[in-house]
Amino acid sequence: MQYIIVTFEVTREGDHYISRCQELGTASFGRSEEEAVANVKEATLVYLNTLEDLGEREQVLKDRGIAVHRANESADQKVTCPPNAIIHSAVFPVPAWA
């Protein structure tokens, strides 16, 4: 099994929290930080699955500089946190290249 690590930036705007995947550009929002993160995780998973269905996942990850890690392989990632933002990270499994 292989996986990628992505980071989600969350900021508050008025009564809502805006969440954005720094690496893939997916975005969402919610009434709480937790809801915003859950929503952007779901949007990111849908995006990754769509890329897989279209046969474009490998190229998009490569173009965006997203490292694909193997199971049992440690991975470090440096993240920049913008002012007034909260950073979350997530691991998404990805199938091996065909």
Foldseek 3Di string as FASTA:
>chain_A
DKKFKWKWKWADDPQKIKIATPQQGQIDIDSDPVVRVVVSVVRVVVVLVVCVVVVNNVVSCVVSVIDIGDPVDDDDDDDDHDPRIDMDMDMDDDDDDD
